[in-house]
N, C-alpha and C. Protein backbone atom coordinates (compact mmCIF):
# COMPACT_ATOMS: atom_id res chain seq x y z
N MET A 1 -8.16 25.09 -7.20
CA MET A 1 -9.56 25.39 -6.94
C MET A 1 -10.51 25.60 -7.98
N ASP A 2 -11.79 24.90 -7.74
CA ASP A 2 -12.77 24.95 -8.89
C ASP A 2 -13.72 26.04 -8.58
N LEU A 3 -13.91 26.98 -9.71
CA LEU A 3 -14.68 28.19 -9.72
C LEU A 3 -15.59 27.80 -10.86
N PHE A 4 -16.97 28.15 -10.28
CA PHE A 4 -18.02 27.82 -11.15
C PHE A 4 -18.51 29.11 -11.28
N PRO A 5 -18.36 29.91 -12.46
CA PRO A 5 -18.66 31.39 -12.73
C PRO A 5 -20.19 31.41 -13.17
N GLU A 6 -20.75 30.44 -13.72
CA GLU A 6 -21.97 30.35 -14.46
C GLU A 6 -22.97 29.64 -13.57
N PRO A 7 -24.17 29.78 -13.43
CA PRO A 7 -25.18 28.72 -12.65
C PRO A 7 -24.94 27.12 -13.26
N VAL A 8 -24.77 26.30 -12.47
CA VAL A 8 -24.85 24.76 -12.98
C VAL A 8 -26.06 24.21 -12.64
N GLY A 9 -26.44 23.20 -13.35
CA GLY A 9 -27.76 22.52 -13.14
C GLY A 9 -28.00 22.43 -11.63
N VAL A 10 -29.31 22.26 -11.59
CA VAL A 10 -29.73 22.32 -9.99
C VAL A 10 -29.61 20.72 -9.31
N ASP A 11 -29.59 19.95 -10.43
CA ASP A 11 -29.40 18.43 -10.11
C ASP A 11 -28.00 18.11 -9.87
N GLN A 12 -26.95 19.08 -10.35
CA GLN A 12 -25.57 18.67 -10.03
C GLN A 12 -25.18 19.12 -8.75
N ASN A 13 -24.22 18.05 -8.29
CA ASN A 13 -23.81 18.54 -6.90
C ASN A 13 -22.39 19.26 -6.98
N LEU A 14 -22.08 20.20 -6.44
CA LEU A 14 -21.06 21.13 -6.51
C LEU A 14 -19.76 20.40 -5.71
N LEU A 15 -20.24 19.42 -4.95
CA LEU A 15 -19.33 19.04 -4.09
C LEU A 15 -18.63 17.52 -4.69
N PRO A 16 -17.45 17.24 -4.55
CA PRO A 16 -16.93 15.86 -5.16
C PRO A 16 -17.14 14.71 -4.11
N ARG A 17 -17.46 14.93 -3.01
CA ARG A 17 -17.72 14.03 -2.10
C ARG A 17 -18.41 14.49 -0.79
N ASP A 18 -18.93 13.63 0.07
CA ASP A 18 -19.20 13.93 1.53
C ASP A 18 -20.26 15.16 1.63
N GLY A 19 -21.15 15.29 0.94
CA GLY A 19 -22.04 16.12 0.95
C GLY A 19 -22.89 16.37 -0.29
N LEU A 20 -23.73 17.52 -0.18
CA LEU A 20 -24.88 17.75 -1.27
C LEU A 20 -24.91 19.39 -1.40
N VAL A 21 -24.23 19.87 -2.25
CA VAL A 21 -24.55 21.25 -2.46
C VAL A 21 -25.06 21.56 -3.80
N SER A 22 -26.15 22.31 -4.16
CA SER A 22 -26.67 22.69 -5.58
C SER A 22 -27.06 24.09 -5.50
N TYR A 23 -26.65 24.74 -6.98
CA TYR A 23 -27.02 26.12 -6.98
C TYR A 23 -28.03 26.07 -8.00
N HIS A 24 -28.99 26.86 -7.61
CA HIS A 24 -30.26 27.12 -8.26
C HIS A 24 -29.98 28.53 -9.29
N GLY A 25 -28.97 29.11 -9.07
CA GLY A 25 -29.05 30.41 -9.77
C GLY A 25 -29.94 31.43 -9.30
N PRO A 26 -30.04 32.53 -10.12
CA PRO A 26 -31.07 33.38 -9.53
C PRO A 26 -32.72 32.73 -9.65
N ILE A 27 -33.45 33.04 -8.47
CA ILE A 27 -34.87 32.50 -8.48
C ILE A 27 -35.76 33.71 -8.18
N LEU A 28 -35.41 34.90 -8.30
CA LEU A 28 -36.15 36.06 -8.18
C LEU A 28 -35.79 36.72 -9.57
N SER A 29 -36.73 37.59 -10.20
CA SER A 29 -36.31 38.39 -11.05
C SER A 29 -35.72 39.59 -10.59
N MET A 30 -35.08 40.12 -11.64
CA MET A 30 -34.22 41.73 -11.24
C MET A 30 -34.91 42.58 -10.58
N ASP A 31 -36.16 42.98 -10.89
CA ASP A 31 -37.14 43.85 -10.12
C ASP A 31 -37.35 43.43 -8.58
N VAL A 32 -37.61 42.04 -8.71
CA VAL A 32 -38.12 41.55 -7.26
C VAL A 32 -36.87 41.55 -6.13
N ALA A 33 -35.72 41.02 -7.08
CA ALA A 33 -34.45 41.20 -6.05
C ALA A 33 -34.29 42.53 -5.43
N ASP A 34 -34.26 43.66 -6.38
CA ASP A 34 -33.99 44.77 -6.12
C ASP A 34 -34.87 45.39 -5.07
N ASP A 35 -36.13 45.05 -5.34
CA ASP A 35 -37.14 45.66 -4.10
C ASP A 35 -36.87 44.75 -2.99
N SER A 36 -36.64 43.66 -2.97
CA SER A 36 -36.57 42.83 -1.55
C SER A 36 -35.30 43.46 -1.00
N LEU A 37 -34.12 43.42 -1.37
CA LEU A 37 -32.98 44.01 -1.00
C LEU A 37 -33.07 45.49 -0.31
N ALA A 38 -34.07 46.26 -0.97
CA ALA A 38 -34.29 47.61 -0.46
C ALA A 38 -34.96 47.65 0.66
N LYS A 39 -36.06 46.83 0.60
CA LYS A 39 -37.06 46.63 1.81
C LYS A 39 -36.27 46.09 3.26
N LEU A 40 -35.33 45.26 2.80
CA LEU A 40 -34.51 44.53 4.02
C LEU A 40 -33.58 45.48 4.47
N LEU A 41 -32.92 46.10 3.61
CA LEU A 41 -32.12 47.20 4.11
C LEU A 41 -32.73 48.31 5.12
N ARG A 42 -33.96 48.66 4.56
CA ARG A 42 -34.75 49.64 5.22
C ARG A 42 -35.31 49.19 6.54
N THR A 43 -35.74 47.71 6.45
CA THR A 43 -36.99 47.59 7.60
C THR A 43 -36.37 46.60 8.70
N ILE A 44 -35.39 45.79 8.41
CA ILE A 44 -34.66 45.02 9.32
C ILE A 44 -33.94 45.59 10.39
N PRO A 45 -34.18 45.28 11.74
CA PRO A 45 -33.46 45.84 12.96
C PRO A 45 -32.01 45.47 12.74
N TRP A 46 -31.09 45.67 12.00
CA TRP A 46 -29.92 44.96 11.85
C TRP A 46 -29.05 45.58 13.29
N GLN A 47 -28.33 44.32 13.68
CA GLN A 47 -27.71 44.56 15.03
C GLN A 47 -25.82 44.13 14.56
N ARG A 48 -24.93 44.68 14.99
CA ARG A 48 -23.91 44.30 14.87
C ARG A 48 -23.58 42.77 15.36
N ASP A 49 -22.69 42.20 14.76
CA ASP A 49 -22.46 40.67 15.08
C ASP A 49 -21.42 40.93 16.12
N GLU A 50 -21.76 39.71 17.12
CA GLU A 50 -20.67 39.50 18.26
C GLU A 50 -19.98 38.34 18.02
N VAL A 51 -18.71 38.31 18.31
CA VAL A 51 -18.06 36.95 17.99
C VAL A 51 -16.76 36.81 19.19
N MET A 52 -17.12 35.50 19.60
CA MET A 52 -15.88 35.27 20.82
C MET A 52 -14.84 34.72 20.14
N MET A 53 -13.63 35.41 19.89
CA MET A 53 -12.34 35.00 19.33
C MET A 53 -11.34 35.04 20.54
N PHE A 54 -10.59 33.89 20.70
CA PHE A 54 -9.57 33.74 21.72
C PHE A 54 -9.76 34.54 23.04
N GLY A 55 -11.35 34.11 23.48
CA GLY A 55 -11.66 34.54 24.74
C GLY A 55 -12.07 35.91 24.74
N LYS A 56 -12.18 36.85 23.58
CA LYS A 56 -12.44 38.06 23.68
C LYS A 56 -13.71 38.47 22.78
N LEU A 57 -14.56 39.43 23.26
CA LEU A 57 -15.76 39.67 22.73
C LEU A 57 -15.55 40.53 21.43
N ILE A 58 -15.56 40.18 20.19
CA ILE A 58 -15.38 41.05 19.20
C ILE A 58 -16.53 41.42 18.43
N VAL A 59 -16.85 43.01 18.23
CA VAL A 59 -17.93 43.25 17.51
C VAL A 59 -17.66 43.71 16.17
N THR A 60 -18.28 42.95 15.18
CA THR A 60 -17.83 43.19 13.72
C THR A 60 -18.54 44.10 13.10
N ARG A 61 -18.10 44.54 11.98
CA ARG A 61 -19.17 45.63 11.04
C ARG A 61 -20.18 44.81 10.58
N ARG A 62 -19.97 43.66 10.35
CA ARG A 62 -21.16 42.94 9.57
C ARG A 62 -22.43 42.88 10.84
N GLU A 63 -23.61 42.98 10.16
CA GLU A 63 -24.74 43.03 11.19
C GLU A 63 -25.69 41.57 10.60
N THR A 64 -26.41 41.44 11.77
CA THR A 64 -27.21 40.33 11.47
C THR A 64 -28.75 40.61 12.09
N ALA A 65 -29.62 39.46 11.85
CA ALA A 65 -30.83 39.44 12.41
C ALA A 65 -31.19 38.08 12.39
N TRP A 66 -31.78 37.62 13.44
CA TRP A 66 -32.59 36.25 13.43
C TRP A 66 -33.94 36.07 13.71
N TYR A 67 -34.84 35.40 12.85
CA TYR A 67 -36.14 35.18 12.62
C TYR A 67 -36.54 33.78 12.78
N GLY A 68 -37.73 33.54 13.42
CA GLY A 68 -38.15 32.09 13.44
C GLY A 68 -39.53 31.96 13.67
N ASP A 69 -40.29 30.76 13.66
CA ASP A 69 -41.68 30.41 13.81
C ASP A 69 -41.97 30.80 15.37
N GLU A 70 -41.01 30.45 16.24
CA GLU A 70 -40.95 30.58 17.76
C GLU A 70 -39.72 31.36 18.06
N PRO A 71 -39.71 31.75 19.45
CA PRO A 71 -38.75 32.54 19.91
C PRO A 71 -37.37 31.56 19.93
N PHE A 72 -36.91 30.94 18.91
CA PHE A 72 -35.99 29.98 19.22
C PHE A 72 -34.67 30.54 19.75
N VAL A 73 -33.66 30.11 20.67
CA VAL A 73 -32.65 30.41 21.07
C VAL A 73 -31.70 29.77 20.20
N TYR A 74 -30.66 30.60 19.67
CA TYR A 74 -29.64 29.81 18.55
C TYR A 74 -28.53 30.47 18.80
N THR A 75 -27.47 29.81 19.23
CA THR A 75 -25.87 30.08 19.66
C THR A 75 -24.96 29.90 18.56
N TYR A 76 -24.28 30.91 17.92
CA TYR A 76 -23.25 30.71 17.10
C TYR A 76 -22.31 31.64 17.52
N SER A 77 -21.20 31.23 17.19
CA SER A 77 -19.96 32.16 17.88
C SER A 77 -20.10 32.25 19.22
N ARG A 78 -20.54 31.32 20.07
CA ARG A 78 -20.62 31.43 21.51
C ARG A 78 -21.84 32.59 21.91
N ILE A 79 -22.46 33.07 21.12
CA ILE A 79 -23.23 34.12 21.33
C ILE A 79 -24.73 33.68 21.23
N PRO A 80 -25.65 33.58 22.46
CA PRO A 80 -27.04 33.24 22.11
C PRO A 80 -27.73 34.45 21.46
N ARG A 81 -28.77 34.12 20.58
CA ARG A 81 -29.63 35.04 20.12
C ARG A 81 -31.13 34.53 20.07
N ARG A 82 -32.07 35.18 20.35
CA ARG A 82 -33.46 34.81 20.51
C ARG A 82 -34.21 35.50 19.27
N ALA A 83 -34.88 34.35 18.43
CA ALA A 83 -35.72 34.80 17.07
C ALA A 83 -36.65 35.67 17.49
N LEU A 84 -36.70 36.59 16.48
CA LEU A 84 -37.92 37.51 16.24
C LEU A 84 -38.94 37.02 15.39
N PRO A 85 -40.29 37.40 15.61
CA PRO A 85 -41.30 37.17 14.72
C PRO A 85 -41.25 37.29 13.19
N TRP A 86 -41.58 36.60 12.15
CA TRP A 86 -41.41 36.72 10.70
C TRP A 86 -42.18 38.08 10.38
N PRO A 87 -41.44 39.13 9.69
CA PRO A 87 -41.85 40.23 9.11
C PRO A 87 -42.66 39.85 7.96
N ALA A 88 -43.70 40.64 7.23
CA ALA A 88 -44.22 40.11 5.87
C ALA A 88 -43.41 39.90 4.81
N GLU A 89 -42.29 40.90 4.68
CA GLU A 89 -41.55 40.57 3.54
C GLU A 89 -40.65 39.51 3.54
N LEU A 90 -40.23 39.14 4.68
CA LEU A 90 -39.34 37.89 4.83
C LEU A 90 -40.15 36.64 4.66
N LEU A 91 -41.38 36.73 5.22
CA LEU A 91 -42.35 35.31 4.94
C LEU A 91 -42.49 35.38 3.46
N GLU A 92 -42.73 36.17 2.87
CA GLU A 92 -42.74 36.23 1.31
C GLU A 92 -41.35 35.52 0.63
N LEU A 93 -40.29 35.93 1.09
CA LEU A 93 -39.15 35.16 0.55
C LEU A 93 -39.05 33.78 0.91
N LYS A 94 -39.28 33.41 2.13
CA LYS A 94 -39.43 32.20 2.70
C LYS A 94 -40.26 31.34 1.85
N GLU A 95 -41.59 31.82 1.63
CA GLU A 95 -42.45 30.85 0.80
C GLU A 95 -41.71 30.52 -0.60
N LEU A 96 -41.15 31.40 -1.31
CA LEU A 96 -40.53 31.17 -2.42
C LEU A 96 -39.52 30.43 -2.44
N VAL A 97 -38.63 30.37 -1.16
CA VAL A 97 -37.37 29.38 -1.06
C VAL A 97 -38.09 28.16 -1.04
N GLU A 98 -39.19 27.87 -0.17
CA GLU A 98 -39.64 26.62 0.35
C GLU A 98 -40.32 25.89 -1.11
N LYS A 99 -41.01 26.93 -1.74
CA LYS A 99 -41.37 26.39 -3.31
C LYS A 99 -40.47 25.88 -4.15
N GLU A 100 -39.37 26.59 -4.07
CA GLU A 100 -38.05 26.24 -4.92
C GLU A 100 -37.54 24.92 -4.76
N THR A 101 -37.27 24.90 -3.42
CA THR A 101 -36.37 23.52 -2.66
C THR A 101 -37.40 22.29 -2.11
N GLN A 102 -38.72 22.76 -2.30
CA GLN A 102 -39.55 21.61 -1.67
C GLN A 102 -39.18 21.15 -0.31
N GLU A 103 -38.81 22.21 0.73
CA GLU A 103 -38.37 21.91 2.18
C GLU A 103 -39.27 23.06 2.84
N THR A 104 -39.38 22.89 4.38
CA THR A 104 -39.97 23.82 5.04
C THR A 104 -39.15 24.05 6.07
N PHE A 105 -39.09 25.37 6.24
CA PHE A 105 -38.17 26.06 6.93
C PHE A 105 -38.77 26.73 8.18
N ASN A 106 -38.08 26.65 9.39
CA ASN A 106 -38.84 27.51 10.50
C ASN A 106 -37.93 28.58 11.11
N SER A 107 -36.86 29.01 10.48
CA SER A 107 -35.99 30.18 10.89
C SER A 107 -35.10 30.63 9.69
N CYS A 108 -34.74 31.87 10.06
CA CYS A 108 -33.87 32.49 9.10
C CYS A 108 -32.66 33.55 9.73
N LEU A 109 -31.62 33.12 9.36
CA LEU A 109 -30.28 33.88 9.90
C LEU A 109 -29.87 35.06 8.65
N LEU A 110 -30.04 36.11 8.80
CA LEU A 110 -29.72 37.05 8.01
C LEU A 110 -28.57 37.83 8.43
N ASN A 111 -27.51 38.14 7.30
CA ASN A 111 -26.29 38.86 7.31
C ASN A 111 -26.15 39.93 6.26
N LEU A 112 -25.73 41.06 6.91
CA LEU A 112 -25.61 42.07 6.15
C LEU A 112 -24.27 42.54 5.91
N TYR A 113 -23.51 42.39 4.84
CA TYR A 113 -22.24 42.79 4.46
C TYR A 113 -22.36 44.31 3.71
N HIS A 114 -21.69 45.27 4.32
CA HIS A 114 -22.00 46.52 3.72
C HIS A 114 -21.06 46.77 2.31
N ASP A 115 -19.97 45.97 2.55
CA ASP A 115 -19.15 45.73 1.09
C ASP A 115 -18.16 44.80 1.12
N GLY A 116 -17.26 44.73 -0.04
CA GLY A 116 -16.70 43.47 -0.03
C GLY A 116 -15.43 43.21 0.86
N THR A 117 -15.19 44.43 1.86
CA THR A 117 -14.27 44.29 2.95
C THR A 117 -14.68 43.47 4.17
N GLU A 118 -15.97 43.19 4.04
CA GLU A 118 -16.60 42.55 5.21
C GLU A 118 -16.85 41.05 4.65
N GLY A 119 -16.64 40.00 5.28
CA GLY A 119 -16.78 38.70 5.04
C GLY A 119 -17.01 37.58 6.09
N MET A 120 -16.80 36.50 5.81
CA MET A 120 -17.00 35.49 6.87
C MET A 120 -16.11 34.27 6.87
N GLY A 121 -15.23 34.04 7.76
CA GLY A 121 -13.97 33.18 7.89
C GLY A 121 -15.07 31.54 7.71
N TRP A 122 -13.63 30.65 7.55
CA TRP A 122 -14.23 29.21 7.52
C TRP A 122 -14.94 28.71 8.91
N HIS A 123 -16.23 28.15 8.45
CA HIS A 123 -16.88 27.45 9.44
C HIS A 123 -17.88 26.59 8.92
N SER A 124 -18.62 25.80 9.88
CA SER A 124 -19.62 24.90 9.52
C SER A 124 -20.86 25.49 10.30
N ASP A 125 -22.12 25.20 9.66
CA ASP A 125 -23.23 25.51 10.43
C ASP A 125 -23.80 24.09 11.02
N ASP A 126 -23.18 23.88 12.21
CA ASP A 126 -23.36 22.70 12.66
C ASP A 126 -23.67 22.97 14.34
N GLU A 127 -24.15 23.96 14.59
CA GLU A 127 -24.54 24.05 15.87
C GLU A 127 -25.74 23.24 16.42
N PRO A 128 -25.55 22.73 17.76
CA PRO A 128 -26.71 21.76 18.17
C PRO A 128 -28.12 21.91 18.17
N GLU A 129 -28.37 23.17 17.93
CA GLU A 129 -29.96 23.71 17.69
C GLU A 129 -30.50 22.98 16.36
N LEU A 130 -29.53 23.11 15.50
CA LEU A 130 -30.01 22.80 14.05
C LEU A 130 -30.28 21.22 13.86
N LYS A 131 -31.34 21.01 12.99
CA LYS A 131 -31.70 19.56 12.86
C LYS A 131 -30.62 18.88 12.22
N PRO A 132 -30.18 17.70 12.56
CA PRO A 132 -28.86 17.10 11.99
C PRO A 132 -29.25 16.82 10.61
N GLY A 133 -28.15 17.27 9.81
CA GLY A 133 -28.45 16.82 8.25
C GLY A 133 -29.67 17.83 7.63
N GLY A 134 -29.97 18.54 8.46
CA GLY A 134 -31.11 19.39 7.88
C GLY A 134 -30.54 20.44 6.87
N THR A 135 -31.54 20.58 5.76
CA THR A 135 -31.14 21.64 4.69
C THR A 135 -31.14 23.06 5.04
N ILE A 136 -30.09 23.70 4.44
CA ILE A 136 -30.02 25.26 4.61
C ILE A 136 -30.05 25.60 3.23
N ALA A 137 -30.75 26.77 3.11
CA ALA A 137 -31.08 27.48 1.81
C ALA A 137 -30.44 29.00 2.09
N SER A 138 -29.54 29.35 1.14
CA SER A 138 -29.02 30.47 1.35
C SER A 138 -29.57 31.50 -0.14
N LEU A 139 -30.18 32.29 0.29
CA LEU A 139 -30.47 33.51 -0.49
C LEU A 139 -29.87 34.70 -0.59
N SER A 140 -29.24 34.99 -1.80
CA SER A 140 -28.38 36.13 -1.80
C SER A 140 -29.04 37.45 -2.57
N LEU A 141 -28.94 38.65 -1.96
CA LEU A 141 -29.41 39.79 -2.46
C LEU A 141 -28.44 40.77 -2.44
N GLY A 142 -28.17 41.41 -3.80
CA GLY A 142 -27.05 42.50 -3.82
C GLY A 142 -25.92 42.14 -4.41
N ALA A 143 -24.77 42.62 -4.00
CA ALA A 143 -23.48 42.24 -4.64
C ALA A 143 -23.32 40.79 -4.86
N ALA A 144 -22.68 40.62 -6.08
CA ALA A 144 -22.45 39.26 -6.31
C ALA A 144 -21.10 38.95 -5.63
N ARG A 145 -20.96 37.96 -5.14
CA ARG A 145 -19.83 37.52 -4.03
C ARG A 145 -19.34 36.12 -4.38
N LYS A 146 -18.04 35.85 -4.14
CA LYS A 146 -17.50 34.47 -4.21
C LYS A 146 -17.63 33.81 -3.03
N PHE A 147 -18.07 32.65 -3.06
CA PHE A 147 -18.34 31.68 -2.02
C PHE A 147 -17.61 30.33 -2.02
N ALA A 148 -16.93 29.96 -1.06
CA ALA A 148 -16.06 28.81 -1.06
C ALA A 148 -16.25 27.56 -0.06
N PHE A 149 -15.94 26.45 -0.47
CA PHE A 149 -16.20 25.41 0.39
C PHE A 149 -14.75 24.71 0.58
N LYS A 150 -14.25 24.05 1.73
CA LYS A 150 -13.23 23.38 1.98
C LYS A 150 -13.57 22.16 2.84
N HIS A 151 -12.93 20.85 2.41
CA HIS A 151 -13.24 19.47 3.04
C HIS A 151 -12.20 19.72 4.30
N LYS A 152 -12.83 19.21 5.21
CA LYS A 152 -12.27 19.22 6.66
C LYS A 152 -10.99 18.29 6.49
N THR A 153 -11.20 17.20 5.73
CA THR A 153 -10.02 16.25 5.83
C THR A 153 -9.11 16.20 4.75
N THR A 154 -9.55 16.32 3.45
CA THR A 154 -8.76 16.47 2.30
C THR A 154 -8.27 17.67 1.95
N ARG A 155 -8.77 18.69 2.35
CA ARG A 155 -8.48 20.17 2.10
C ARG A 155 -9.01 20.41 0.67
N GLU A 156 -9.70 19.66 0.20
CA GLU A 156 -10.11 20.14 -1.45
C GLU A 156 -10.94 21.46 -1.28
N THR A 157 -10.96 22.30 -2.22
CA THR A 157 -11.90 23.56 -2.11
C THR A 157 -12.61 23.54 -3.62
N VAL A 158 -13.89 24.00 -3.40
CA VAL A 158 -14.98 24.37 -4.41
C VAL A 158 -15.11 25.78 -4.16
N SER A 159 -15.47 26.66 -5.18
CA SER A 159 -16.01 27.98 -5.07
C SER A 159 -16.84 28.37 -6.24
N LEU A 160 -17.83 29.31 -5.91
CA LEU A 160 -18.63 29.58 -7.07
C LEU A 160 -18.95 31.05 -6.69
N MET A 161 -19.54 31.98 -7.55
CA MET A 161 -19.95 33.09 -7.61
C MET A 161 -21.46 33.21 -7.28
N LEU A 162 -22.01 33.62 -6.25
CA LEU A 162 -23.48 33.95 -5.93
C LEU A 162 -23.90 34.94 -6.40
N ALA A 163 -24.84 34.97 -7.35
CA ALA A 163 -25.26 36.27 -8.05
C ALA A 163 -26.62 37.04 -7.31
N HIS A 164 -27.04 38.11 -7.59
CA HIS A 164 -28.06 38.78 -6.95
C HIS A 164 -29.37 37.92 -7.23
N GLY A 165 -30.00 37.61 -6.18
CA GLY A 165 -31.29 36.87 -6.26
C GLY A 165 -31.27 35.47 -6.39
N SER A 166 -29.89 35.08 -5.96
CA SER A 166 -29.63 33.43 -6.29
C SER A 166 -29.67 32.60 -5.01
N LEU A 167 -29.91 31.37 -5.35
CA LEU A 167 -30.17 30.24 -4.18
C LEU A 167 -29.33 29.32 -4.27
N LEU A 168 -28.53 29.11 -3.00
CA LEU A 168 -27.52 28.01 -2.90
C LEU A 168 -28.31 27.07 -1.93
N VAL A 169 -28.01 25.72 -2.03
CA VAL A 169 -28.83 24.81 -1.17
C VAL A 169 -27.76 23.88 -0.91
N MET A 170 -27.53 23.60 0.77
CA MET A 170 -26.66 22.78 1.29
C MET A 170 -27.44 21.78 2.03
N LYS A 171 -27.26 20.20 1.83
CA LYS A 171 -27.86 19.16 2.34
C LYS A 171 -27.10 18.18 3.10
N ASP A 172 -27.69 17.12 3.72
CA ASP A 172 -27.41 15.94 4.06
C ASP A 172 -26.07 16.02 5.19
N VAL A 173 -24.93 15.65 4.61
CA VAL A 173 -23.72 15.69 5.51
C VAL A 173 -22.79 16.62 5.25
N THR A 174 -23.16 17.82 4.70
CA THR A 174 -22.34 18.85 4.18
C THR A 174 -21.55 19.49 5.25
N GLN A 175 -22.45 19.78 6.39
CA GLN A 175 -21.75 20.42 7.45
C GLN A 175 -20.80 19.72 8.19
N THR A 176 -20.94 18.39 8.13
CA THR A 176 -20.06 17.45 8.81
C THR A 176 -18.72 17.18 8.26
N HIS A 177 -18.73 17.50 6.97
CA HIS A 177 -17.48 17.37 6.38
C HIS A 177 -16.74 18.46 5.51
N TRP A 178 -17.39 19.65 5.60
CA TRP A 178 -16.91 20.79 4.82
C TRP A 178 -17.21 22.00 5.58
N LYS A 179 -16.28 22.91 5.46
CA LYS A 179 -16.31 24.21 5.91
C LYS A 179 -16.70 25.26 4.77
N HIS A 180 -17.09 26.22 5.25
CA HIS A 180 -17.42 27.17 4.00
C HIS A 180 -17.11 28.77 4.39
N ARG A 181 -16.94 29.50 3.58
CA ARG A 181 -16.75 30.87 3.91
C ARG A 181 -17.08 31.97 2.75
N LEU A 182 -17.06 33.18 3.08
CA LEU A 182 -17.15 34.20 2.28
C LEU A 182 -15.96 35.04 2.32
N PRO A 183 -15.16 35.17 1.47
CA PRO A 183 -13.76 35.86 1.57
C PRO A 183 -13.91 37.37 1.29
N PRO A 184 -13.21 37.96 1.88
CA PRO A 184 -13.49 39.49 1.52
C PRO A 184 -12.75 40.02 0.41
N THR A 185 -13.11 41.06 -0.13
CA THR A 185 -12.58 41.42 -1.60
C THR A 185 -12.60 43.03 -1.64
N LYS A 186 -11.71 43.78 -2.07
CA LYS A 186 -11.68 45.29 -2.29
C LYS A 186 -12.34 45.66 -3.52
N ARG A 187 -12.72 44.61 -4.53
CA ARG A 187 -13.52 44.98 -5.53
C ARG A 187 -14.77 45.09 -5.54
N VAL A 188 -15.59 45.07 -4.20
CA VAL A 188 -16.92 44.89 -4.15
C VAL A 188 -17.36 46.23 -3.12
N GLY A 189 -18.01 47.23 -3.80
CA GLY A 189 -18.18 48.47 -2.94
C GLY A 189 -19.45 48.58 -2.50
N THR A 190 -20.33 47.79 -2.72
CA THR A 190 -21.85 47.64 -2.33
C THR A 190 -22.49 46.61 -1.62
N PRO A 191 -23.60 46.79 -0.81
CA PRO A 191 -23.86 45.74 0.05
C PRO A 191 -24.38 44.33 -0.32
N ARG A 192 -24.25 43.38 0.28
CA ARG A 192 -24.91 42.14 -0.05
C ARG A 192 -25.79 41.67 1.37
N VAL A 193 -26.86 41.30 1.26
CA VAL A 193 -27.60 40.44 2.31
C VAL A 193 -27.79 39.05 2.03
N ASN A 194 -27.49 38.28 2.81
CA ASN A 194 -27.65 36.93 2.88
C ASN A 194 -28.69 36.24 3.73
N LEU A 195 -29.69 35.53 3.30
CA LEU A 195 -30.58 34.92 4.10
C LEU A 195 -30.51 33.59 3.97
N THR A 196 -30.17 32.88 5.13
CA THR A 196 -30.11 31.36 5.40
C THR A 196 -31.33 30.78 6.08
N PHE A 197 -31.95 30.24 5.46
CA PHE A 197 -33.02 29.65 6.05
C PHE A 197 -32.79 28.34 6.56
N ARG A 198 -33.19 27.99 7.65
CA ARG A 198 -32.47 26.84 8.35
C ARG A 198 -33.77 26.04 9.06
N ILE A 199 -33.47 24.94 9.68
CA ILE A 199 -34.46 23.90 10.48
C ILE A 199 -33.90 23.96 11.82
N ILE A 200 -34.66 24.70 13.03
CA ILE A 200 -34.17 24.26 14.25
C ILE A 200 -34.88 23.28 14.74
N SER A 201 -34.22 22.47 15.49
CA SER A 201 -34.94 21.40 16.06
C SER A 201 -35.92 21.67 17.24
N ARG A 202 -37.17 21.24 17.20
CA ARG A 202 -38.37 21.82 18.04
C ARG A 202 -37.87 21.53 19.52
N SER A 203 -36.80 20.55 19.72
CA SER A 203 -36.52 20.29 21.08
C SER A 203 -35.40 21.02 21.74
N SER A 204 -34.88 21.92 20.85
CA SER A 204 -33.90 22.84 21.24
C SER A 204 -34.34 23.84 22.14
């Protein structure tokens, strides 16, 4: 497994094939990142995530929130969610991410991991509501966590550490050929908020 402990060049593709992933490193100052994390923890109406597994509804400790330009309905883990209108603090982060990526996003899925025991299993962000091949920009706030990719055919893996205030960008056919996950760890005792800015197809 390849592990990138330090930021690599924005123009460097972290994947060896079949996709495009770039790590921009921290794009927020420490003060701004700290302030943003505190505001989101305090103001976002977090809800426990619900996941369908083996025909059963599982309520996770991880909490989520879903926002968008319109009340988009987004179904993942077989559970439909309707987007809330953007709050001011989230719009500010959206504008920063759009400036950094030169992309325009119309929605954002937020995940709150209370500590390292909470994670996310292998999956691809390939739901039909998303723009095919559309860019997904992932902004991390809080505890630094390991993030991993696995090729669906070759089983190759790539991983890196996502720092507080950092940005990871996934493009093109990445979701078609790769899965990703946030593995749990007992070494982290503080929360992490992940904001994934997305493009929902207007026809969805």
